[in-house]
């Protein structure tokens, strides 16, 4: 995607051929800062502190984290420790474990002197594969937006509500939930996006709104609790969100507040779609509410907020009474019964075990559901 006149991915290999560079998302939307990752510790901190976030990008960063670790020490002991360090950074997004297992499965078959090169090569492949996956998700999701446009008689605009950030900043490029929106906009469909602010970290208000602004997509930031009102008054044609982990039966885990949007959509007859790349599917789980671990983050993300003052300074201020504690659950689970359909790189399917296995028959035949 473009920022100004320059094309960016969210992560890339530095010109020196070994360090990894990322867009430091902590500073967006007020400043575009590129951070350099030079070792395992840098990669772990980037994931844990959300310099990078979004399930696909977390996986890509973890893959490069193993490559950086292998460059420093390719021994079994060191790589095992690196695996454990990276796996512990974020507990909910399944792409993290998937990417780590993928890279480790390759390097463990090789002698130590060949491991770093192989890890770097596989990390780059994971990034390229993610871009292709998201491009395909965009094409399949575009048909749903086009159908909504045609159902309106090709008059007015298509209003899409999304939650959190599932754009190119959450992936390597294109994004998941935003990829169909970019495709529709590029095709000339008049589209408008309601971007939930998505407390507590405001990733909709800061990251999604910033992305859409850069691409020129019409949008408006709304408070999290406005979605139901908009749906009641016919101001939302469809919802599209992303997911950090999807069960084999179609339950989806996404940023906290997604479940409430799905409930409002169900009550108002608004289609609720979830866009996901296949590495986000956890084929070992069947009950998302009971089985998906929900990350609890620091209370300060709830009690404090950062913003730009009139003089241009970036300030962090307290929102709550100093004596008041806060709970910060980062995700919630939306049961499959509230999801209209899943948008994957292989097509659109029913949010069910049968729907997913129809698109991924190799999973059905392997019995890994």
Protein backbone atom coordinates (compact mmCIF):
# COMPACT_ATOMS: atom_id res chain seq x y z
CA UNK A 1 0.00 0.00 0.00
CA UNK A 2 1.06 3.61 -0.44
CA UNK A 3 1.90 6.30 2.04
CA UNK A 4 2.15 9.47 0.02
CA UNK A 5 3.95 8.46 -3.16
CA UNK A 6 5.89 5.56 -1.66
CA UNK A 7 4.85 1.92 -1.47
CA UNK A 8 5.29 0.28 1.92
CA UNK A 9 4.98 -3.12 3.41
CA UNK A 10 4.64 -3.31 7.17
CA UNK A 11 7.87 -5.34 7.52
CA UNK A 12 10.88 -5.79 5.26
CA UNK A 13 14.53 -6.76 5.23
CA UNK A 14 16.97 -3.89 5.61
CA UNK A 15 19.33 -2.96 2.79
CA UNK A 16 22.18 -4.54 4.78
CA UNK A 17 20.55 -7.92 4.15
CA UNK A 18 20.15 -9.08 7.75
CA UNK A 19 18.41 -6.53 9.99
CA UNK A 20 14.62 -6.24 9.83
CA UNK A 21 12.72 -2.96 9.55
CA UNK A 22 9.14 -2.30 10.59
CA UNK A 23 6.71 0.58 10.70
CA UNK A 24 6.56 1.36 14.42
CA UNK A 25 2.80 1.46 14.91
CA UNK A 26 3.01 2.89 18.42
CA UNK A 27 3.68 6.32 16.87
CA UNK A 28 0.87 6.29 14.30
CA UNK A 29 -1.08 8.29 13.21
CA UNK A 30 0.99 11.25 14.38
CA UNK A 31 4.38 10.15 13.07
CA UNK A 32 5.64 7.58 10.58
CA UNK A 33 8.72 6.04 12.19
CA UNK A 34 10.67 3.05 10.93
CA UNK A 35 12.21 0.87 13.65
CA UNK A 36 15.13 -1.50 13.16
CA UNK A 37 15.16 -5.00 14.66
CA UNK A 38 18.65 -6.43 15.08
CA UNK A 39 18.21 -9.38 17.42
CA UNK A 40 15.76 -11.73 19.10
CA UNK A 41 15.09 -9.27 21.91
CA UNK A 42 14.15 -6.50 19.48
CA UNK A 43 11.66 -8.79 17.72
CA UNK A 44 10.11 -9.97 20.99
CA UNK A 45 9.73 -6.43 22.29
CA UNK A 46 8.22 -5.29 18.97
CA UNK A 47 5.51 -7.96 19.24
CA UNK A 48 4.85 -7.62 22.96
CA UNK A 49 4.65 -3.81 23.02
CA UNK A 50 2.61 -3.73 19.80
CA UNK A 51 5.11 -1.93 17.61
CA UNK A 52 3.73 -4.58 15.30
CA UNK A 53 0.28 -6.12 15.78
CA UNK A 54 -2.34 -8.01 13.86
CA UNK A 55 -2.15 -11.80 13.67
CA UNK A 56 -0.48 -12.12 10.22
CA UNK A 57 2.13 -9.46 10.95
CA UNK A 58 2.87 -10.96 14.36
CA UNK A 59 3.56 -14.25 12.61
CA UNK A 60 5.84 -12.64 10.03
CA UNK A 61 7.75 -10.76 12.72
CA UNK A 62 8.16 -13.93 14.76
CA UNK A 63 9.55 -15.72 11.71
CA UNK A 64 12.15 -12.99 11.25
CA UNK A 65 12.79 -13.08 15.00
CA UNK A 66 13.89 -16.70 14.66
CA UNK A 67 16.09 -15.75 11.70
CA UNK A 68 17.76 -13.05 13.79
CA UNK A 69 18.25 -15.55 16.60
CA UNK A 70 19.74 -18.13 14.24
CA UNK A 71 22.15 -15.51 12.90
CA UNK A 72 23.46 -15.01 16.42
CA UNK A 73 23.43 -18.64 17.60
CA UNK A 74 22.02 -21.47 15.44
CA UNK A 75 22.35 -24.18 18.08
CA UNK A 76 19.35 -26.30 19.12
CA UNK A 77 19.46 -24.87 22.63
CA UNK A 78 19.52 -21.24 21.49
CA UNK A 79 16.78 -21.70 18.91
CA UNK A 80 14.60 -23.53 21.41
CA UNK A 81 14.97 -20.62 23.79
CA UNK A 82 14.19 -18.15 21.01
CA UNK A 83 11.05 -20.11 20.13
CA UNK A 84 9.84 -20.00 23.73
CA UNK A 85 10.63 -16.28 24.07
CA UNK A 86 8.68 -15.35 20.95
CA UNK A 87 5.77 -17.68 21.69
CA UNK A 88 5.26 -16.02 25.09
CA UNK A 89 4.89 -12.50 23.67
CA UNK A 90 1.20 -12.68 22.65
CA UNK A 91 -1.04 -15.62 23.67
CA UNK A 92 -4.12 -15.17 21.49
CA UNK A 93 -3.08 -14.88 17.83
CA UNK A 94 -2.50 -18.39 16.46
CA UNK A 95 -0.35 -17.10 13.55
CA UNK A 96 2.46 -16.60 16.05
CA UNK A 97 2.71 -20.29 16.87
CA UNK A 98 2.06 -21.29 13.26
CA UNK A 99 4.96 -19.20 11.93
CA UNK A 100 7.33 -20.35 14.66
CA UNK A 101 6.49 -24.01 14.05
CA UNK A 102 6.87 -23.52 10.30
CA UNK A 103 10.36 -22.02 10.51
CA UNK A 104 11.54 -24.38 13.25
CA UNK A 105 10.37 -27.39 11.25
CA UNK A 106 12.70 -26.32 8.45
CA UNK A 107 15.81 -25.28 10.37
CA UNK A 108 15.85 -28.33 12.67
CA UNK A 109 16.45 -30.53 9.63
CA UNK A 110 19.59 -28.60 8.72
CA UNK A 111 23.10 -28.40 10.16
CA UNK A 112 23.69 -25.28 12.28
CA UNK A 113 25.75 -23.49 9.64
CA UNK A 114 22.80 -23.51 7.21
CA UNK A 115 20.04 -22.55 9.61
CA UNK A 116 20.20 -18.77 9.53
CA UNK A 117 20.05 -18.60 5.74
CA UNK A 118 17.12 -21.01 5.66
CA UNK A 119 15.26 -19.08 8.38
CA UNK A 120 15.67 -15.79 6.54
CA UNK A 121 14.49 -17.38 3.30
CA UNK A 122 11.41 -18.90 4.91
CA UNK A 123 10.53 -15.66 6.72
CA UNK A 124 10.62 -13.82 3.40
CA UNK A 125 8.42 -16.50 1.84
CA UNK A 126 5.91 -16.19 4.69
CA UNK A 127 5.72 -12.46 3.99
CA UNK A 128 5.17 -12.96 0.25
CA UNK A 129 2.58 -15.67 0.90
CA UNK A 130 0.72 -13.36 3.26
CA UNK A 131 0.51 -10.67 0.59
CA UNK A 132 -0.88 -13.17 -1.94
CA UNK A 133 -3.37 -14.52 0.60
CA UNK A 134 -4.67 -11.07 1.46
CA UNK A 135 -4.90 -10.09 -2.19
CA UNK A 136 -7.12 -13.13 -2.73
CA UNK A 137 -9.21 -12.32 0.35
CA UNK A 138 -9.71 -8.87 -1.11
CA UNK A 139 -10.98 -10.30 -4.40
CA UNK A 140 -13.46 -12.65 -2.71
CA UNK A 141 -14.65 -9.98 -0.29
CA UNK A 142 -15.01 -7.49 -3.11
CA UNK A 143 -17.81 -9.60 -4.59
CA UNK A 144 -19.83 -9.17 -1.37
CA UNK A 145 -19.45 -5.40 -1.51
CA UNK A 146 -20.30 -5.37 -5.20
CA UNK A 147 -23.42 -7.44 -4.49
CA UNK A 148 -24.46 -4.99 -1.77
CA UNK A 149 -23.98 -2.13 -4.23
CA UNK A 150 -26.10 -3.86 -6.85
CA UNK A 151 -28.79 -4.65 -4.27
CA UNK A 152 -29.07 -0.91 -3.64
CA UNK A 153 -29.68 -0.35 -7.33
CA UNK A 154 -26.20 1.13 -7.69
CA UNK A 155 -27.39 4.29 -5.98
CA UNK A 156 -26.03 6.03 -2.93
CA UNK A 157 -23.05 4.45 -1.27
CA UNK A 158 -22.14 1.16 0.39
CA UNK A 159 -21.61 1.70 4.11
CA UNK A 160 -19.23 -0.78 5.73
CA UNK A 161 -18.56 -0.94 9.45
CA UNK A 162 -15.28 -2.39 10.67
CA UNK A 163 -13.71 -2.85 14.08
CA UNK A 164 -10.11 -2.39 15.19
CA UNK A 165 -7.50 -2.49 12.41
CA UNK A 166 -7.40 -5.37 9.94
CA UNK A 167 -5.71 -3.47 7.13
CA UNK A 168 -2.24 -3.63 5.68
CA UNK A 169 -0.75 -2.50 8.99
CA UNK A 170 -2.05 -5.72 10.56
CA UNK A 171 -0.61 -7.88 7.78
CA UNK A 172 2.36 -7.58 5.44
CA UNK A 173 0.26 -5.81 2.78
CA UNK A 174 -3.38 -5.34 1.68
CA UNK A 175 -4.92 -6.44 4.96
CA UNK A 176 -7.78 -8.83 5.64
CA UNK A 177 -11.00 -6.94 6.44
CA UNK A 178 -9.82 -3.82 4.60
CA UNK A 179 -8.59 -5.61 1.47
CA UNK A 180 -12.13 -5.93 0.02
CA UNK A 181 -12.72 -2.27 0.82
CA UNK A 182 -9.59 -1.21 -1.06
CA UNK A 183 -10.57 -3.43 -3.99
CA UNK A 184 -14.07 -1.93 -4.11
CA UNK A 185 -12.76 1.61 -3.88
CA UNK A 186 -10.23 0.95 -6.64
CA UNK A 187 -13.05 -0.47 -8.81
CA UNK A 188 -15.05 2.75 -8.49
CA UNK A 189 -17.77 1.55 -6.13
CA UNK A 190 -18.82 4.46 -3.90
CA UNK A 191 -17.89 3.09 -0.49
CA UNK A 192 -17.87 4.63 2.95
CA UNK A 193 -16.34 3.11 6.07
CA UNK A 194 -17.48 3.52 9.66
CA UNK A 195 -14.27 3.01 11.64
CA UNK A 196 -14.86 2.09 15.28
CA UNK A 197 -12.38 3.88 17.49
CA UNK A 198 -11.74 0.54 19.22
CA UNK A 199 -10.80 1.32 22.77
CA UNK A 200 -8.62 0.86 24.65
CA UNK A 201 -5.74 1.37 22.17
CA UNK A 202 -7.82 3.21 19.56
CA UNK A 203 -6.49 1.11 16.70
CA UNK A 204 -9.52 1.93 14.58
CA UNK A 205 -9.34 5.65 15.23
CA UNK A 206 -5.59 5.79 14.71
CA UNK A 207 -4.51 2.98 12.39
CA UNK A 208 -7.59 2.20 10.28
CA UNK A 209 -8.46 5.87 9.86
CA UNK A 210 -4.84 6.64 8.93
CA UNK A 211 -4.75 3.84 6.36
CA UNK A 212 -8.03 4.90 4.78
CA UNK A 213 -6.89 8.52 4.69
CA UNK A 214 -3.68 7.56 2.91
CA UNK A 215 -5.65 5.60 0.29
CA UNK A 216 -8.36 8.24 -0.10
CA UNK A 217 -11.24 6.03 1.05
CA UNK A 218 -14.19 8.05 2.49
CA UNK A 219 -14.67 7.21 6.14
CA UNK A 220 -15.67 8.51 9.55
CA UNK A 221 -14.40 7.54 12.98
CA UNK A 222 -17.17 6.60 15.41
CA UNK A 223 -17.17 5.77 19.10
CA UNK A 224 -17.38 2.06 19.79
CA UNK A 225 -20.95 2.21 21.03
CA UNK A 226 -22.35 3.98 17.94
CA UNK A 227 -22.48 0.90 15.71
CA UNK A 228 -25.81 -0.37 16.99
CA UNK A 229 -27.44 3.02 16.48
CA UNK A 230 -26.18 3.21 12.92
CA UNK A 231 -27.50 -0.27 12.17
CA UNK A 232 -30.91 0.53 13.64
CA UNK A 233 -31.22 3.46 11.24
CA UNK A 234 -30.16 1.60 8.11
CA UNK A 235 -26.78 3.30 7.93
CA UNK A 236 -24.70 0.09 7.74
CA UNK A 237 -24.96 -2.25 4.76
CA UNK A 238 -22.47 -4.82 6.02
CA UNK A 239 -19.82 -5.37 8.65
CA UNK A 240 -16.37 -6.80 7.94
CA UNK A 241 -13.88 -7.54 10.70
CA UNK A 242 -10.70 -9.52 10.99
CA UNK A 243 -9.83 -12.30 13.43
CA UNK A 244 -6.76 -13.36 15.38
CA UNK A 245 -7.86 -16.96 15.83
CA UNK A 246 -10.69 -18.96 14.26
CA UNK A 247 -11.77 -22.38 15.47
CA UNK A 248 -12.38 -25.37 13.22
CA UNK A 249 -16.10 -24.80 13.80
CA UNK A 250 -16.14 -21.12 12.76
CA UNK A 251 -15.97 -19.22 16.06
CA UNK A 252 -13.84 -16.09 15.67
CA UNK A 253 -11.68 -14.27 18.19
CA UNK A 254 -11.02 -10.61 17.46
CA UNK A 255 -10.35 -7.33 19.24
CA UNK A 256 -12.56 -6.73 22.27
CA UNK A 257 -15.93 -5.33 21.23
CA UNK A 258 -16.34 -7.43 18.09
CA UNK A 259 -18.88 -9.69 19.81
CA UNK A 260 -21.11 -6.71 20.61
CA UNK A 261 -21.02 -5.56 16.98
CA UNK A 262 -22.04 -9.05 15.86
CA UNK A 263 -24.97 -9.05 18.28
CA UNK A 264 -26.15 -5.67 16.98
CA UNK A 265 -25.77 -6.84 13.39
CA UNK A 266 -27.79 -9.99 14.08
CA UNK A 267 -30.57 -7.97 15.72
CA UNK A 268 -30.77 -5.59 12.77
CA UNK A 269 -30.35 -8.06 9.91
CA UNK A 270 -26.98 -6.62 8.86
CA UNK A 271 -24.58 -9.15 7.27
CA UNK A 272 -21.55 -9.73 9.51
CA UNK A 273 -18.51 -11.04 7.65
CA UNK A 274 -15.12 -12.04 9.00
CA UNK A 275 -12.03 -12.00 6.78
CA UNK A 276 -9.26 -14.43 7.63
CA UNK A 277 -6.15 -16.00 6.13
CA UNK A 278 -5.90 -19.76 6.63
CA UNK A 279 -2.94 -19.54 9.06
CA UNK A 280 -5.41 -17.86 11.44
CA UNK A 281 -7.50 -21.06 11.65
CA UNK A 282 -6.71 -23.16 14.71
CA UNK A 283 -7.84 -26.59 13.54
CA UNK A 284 -7.28 -28.04 17.03
CA UNK A 285 -10.05 -25.98 18.68
CA UNK A 286 -13.82 -26.39 18.48
CA UNK A 287 -15.25 -24.05 21.16
CA UNK A 288 -13.82 -20.56 20.92
CA UNK A 289 -15.45 -19.18 24.06
CA UNK A 290 -14.03 -21.90 26.27
CA UNK A 291 -10.79 -22.81 24.52
CA UNK A 292 -9.21 -19.65 23.09
CA UNK A 293 -6.87 -17.93 25.58
CA UNK A 294 -7.79 -14.26 26.00
CA UNK A 295 -4.88 -11.92 26.52
CA UNK A 296 -5.14 -9.48 29.42
CA UNK A 297 -2.91 -6.46 28.94
CA UNK A 298 -1.70 -3.63 31.14
CA UNK A 299 -4.32 -1.49 32.84
CA UNK A 300 -2.50 1.63 31.66
CA UNK A 301 -3.85 1.05 28.14
CA UNK A 302 -7.30 1.70 29.61
CA UNK A 303 -6.45 4.41 32.13
CA UNK A 304 -4.15 6.53 29.94
CA UNK A 305 -4.33 7.85 26.39
CA UNK A 306 -1.84 9.56 24.09
CA UNK A 307 -2.60 12.32 21.62
CA UNK A 308 -1.21 15.38 19.87
CA UNK A 309 -1.55 18.70 21.63
CA UNK A 310 -2.23 21.98 19.81
CA UNK A 311 1.47 22.82 19.91
CA UNK A 312 2.32 19.54 18.16
CA UNK A 313 3.65 17.69 21.19
CA UNK A 314 2.55 14.10 21.78
CA UNK A 315 1.23 13.85 25.32
CA UNK A 316 0.03 10.97 27.46
CA UNK A 317 -2.69 11.82 29.98
CA UNK A 318 -4.71 10.05 32.66
CA UNK A 319 -8.37 9.31 31.90
CA UNK A 320 -9.50 7.69 35.14
CA UNK A 321 -9.20 8.44 38.87
CA UNK A 322 -5.76 7.50 40.15
CA UNK A 323 -7.29 5.16 42.74
CA UNK A 324 -9.45 3.25 40.25
CA UNK A 325 -8.13 -0.08 38.95
CA UNK A 326 -8.85 -1.18 35.37
CA UNK A 327 -9.28 -4.51 33.60
CA UNK A 328 -7.98 -4.81 30.07
CA UNK A 329 -9.24 -7.87 28.17
CA UNK A 330 -7.78 -7.55 24.68
CA UNK A 331 -10.08 -9.90 22.74
CA UNK A 332 -13.51 -11.49 22.74
CA UNK A 333 -15.01 -14.44 20.89
CA UNK A 334 -17.91 -14.18 18.45
CA UNK A 335 -19.73 -17.53 18.11
CA UNK A 336 -20.16 -18.83 14.58
CA UNK A 337 -23.95 -18.50 14.86
CA UNK A 338 -23.56 -14.70 14.72
CA UNK A 339 -21.28 -14.71 11.65
CA UNK A 340 -22.86 -14.51 8.20
CA UNK A 341 -19.85 -15.92 6.34
CA UNK A 342 -16.08 -16.26 6.47
CA UNK A 343 -13.96 -14.66 3.73
CA UNK A 344 -10.77 -16.65 3.08
CA UNK A 345 -8.16 -16.75 0.35
CA UNK A 346 -9.95 -19.77 -1.11
CA UNK A 347 -13.40 -18.20 -1.18
CA UNK A 348 -16.39 -17.35 1.01
CA UNK A 349 -17.82 -20.10 3.19
CA UNK A 350 -20.37 -20.84 5.86
CA UNK A 351 -18.93 -20.27 9.38
CA UNK A 352 -19.02 -23.94 10.30
CA UNK A 353 -16.90 -27.05 10.36
CA UNK A 354 -18.43 -28.17 7.07
CA UNK A 355 -17.98 -24.77 5.47
CA UNK A 356 -14.29 -24.59 6.36
CA UNK A 357 -13.58 -28.17 5.39
CA UNK A 358 -15.24 -27.61 2.01
CA UNK A 359 -12.57 -24.98 1.31
CA UNK A 360 -9.77 -26.90 3.03
CA UNK A 361 -10.54 -30.57 2.26
CA UNK A 362 -7.00 -31.57 3.18
CA UNK A 363 -7.88 -30.73 6.79
CA UNK A 364 -10.96 -32.94 6.68
CA UNK A 365 -9.00 -35.87 5.27
CA UNK A 366 -6.23 -35.46 7.86
CA UNK A 367 -8.73 -35.51 10.72
CA UNK A 368 -7.23 -32.35 12.26
CA UNK A 369 -10.49 -30.61 12.97
